[in-house]
């Protein structure tokens, strides 16, 4: 991540939740090596109501920030 110039990426998208229009926001964080503290966060909203939200440390795998 030190060569990438960033350690966190945020994103949003549109889709459906139970056949209803919904929006998702996500955050992936690379805490460096070793990868034991990388985190992920997801929030899904239908209108202004949060219908699903999760934040936690990865229990397997590895978020990796790269320049390209």
Protein backbone atom coordinates (compact mmCIF):
# COMPACT_ATOMS: atom_id res chain seq x y z
CA UNK A 1 0.00 0.00 0.00
CA UNK A 2 2.87 2.46 0.62
CA UNK A 3 3.70 2.48 -3.09
CA UNK A 4 0.04 2.84 -4.08
CA UNK A 5 -0.40 6.25 -2.44
CA UNK A 6 -3.68 5.21 -0.76
CA UNK A 7 -4.96 2.54 1.62
CA UNK A 8 -8.75 2.88 1.34
CA UNK A 9 -11.14 2.75 -1.59
CA UNK A 10 -14.80 3.82 -1.43
CA UNK A 11 -17.51 2.98 -3.91
CA UNK A 12 -21.24 3.17 -4.54
CA UNK A 13 -23.67 1.39 -6.79
CA UNK A 14 -27.32 0.94 -7.66
CA UNK A 15 -29.19 -2.33 -7.71
CA UNK A 16 -32.06 -4.18 -6.08
CA UNK A 17 -32.76 -5.53 -2.61
CA UNK A 18 -35.72 -7.92 -2.53
CA UNK A 19 -36.79 -6.60 -5.97
CA UNK A 20 -36.79 -3.00 -4.71
CA UNK A 21 -34.42 -0.27 -5.96
CA UNK A 22 -31.49 0.05 -3.58
CA UNK A 23 -28.10 1.70 -3.21
CA UNK A 24 -24.91 0.17 -1.82
CA UNK A 25 -21.84 1.89 -0.38
CA UNK A 26 -18.61 0.02 0.31
CA UNK A 27 -15.19 0.63 1.79
CA UNK A 28 -12.13 -1.62 1.53
CA UNK A 29 -9.08 -0.80 3.64
CA UNK A 30 -5.59 -2.26 3.23
CA UNK A 31 -3.89 -2.13 6.65
CA UNK A 32 -0.52 -3.15 5.19
CA UNK A 33 1.42 -6.36 5.56
CA UNK A 34 0.85 -8.77 7.08
CA UNK A 35 -2.82 -8.57 6.16
CA UNK A 36 -4.39 -9.39 9.54
CA UNK A 37 -6.14 -6.02 10.00
CA UNK A 38 -7.66 -5.37 6.54
CA UNK A 39 -11.29 -4.25 6.81
CA UNK A 40 -14.44 -4.18 4.71
CA UNK A 41 -17.69 -2.27 5.14
CA UNK A 42 -20.99 -2.49 3.23
CA UNK A 43 -24.22 -0.52 3.67
CA UNK A 44 -27.35 -1.15 1.60
CA UNK A 45 -30.18 1.39 1.63
CA UNK A 46 -33.70 1.30 0.27
CA UNK A 47 -34.65 4.97 0.17
CA UNK A 48 -33.27 6.40 3.41
CA UNK A 49 -33.66 3.12 5.32
CA UNK A 50 -30.57 0.99 5.99
CA UNK A 51 -31.59 -2.61 5.29
CA UNK A 52 -28.16 -4.20 5.67
CA UNK A 53 -24.93 -2.96 7.21
CA UNK A 54 -21.71 -4.78 7.97
CA UNK A 55 -18.22 -3.73 9.03
CA UNK A 56 -15.47 -6.09 10.04
CA UNK A 57 -11.92 -7.35 9.78
CA UNK A 58 -11.30 -9.92 7.04
CA UNK A 59 -11.07 -13.44 8.42
CA UNK A 60 -9.34 -14.66 5.27
CA UNK A 61 -7.94 -13.07 2.17
CA UNK A 62 -6.15 -9.78 1.77
CA UNK A 63 -7.17 -6.33 0.52
CA UNK A 64 -4.25 -5.00 -1.51
CA UNK A 65 -3.88 -1.43 -2.76
CA UNK A 66 -1.89 -1.14 -6.01
CA UNK A 67 -0.89 1.81 -8.20
CA UNK A 68 -2.27 0.15 -11.31
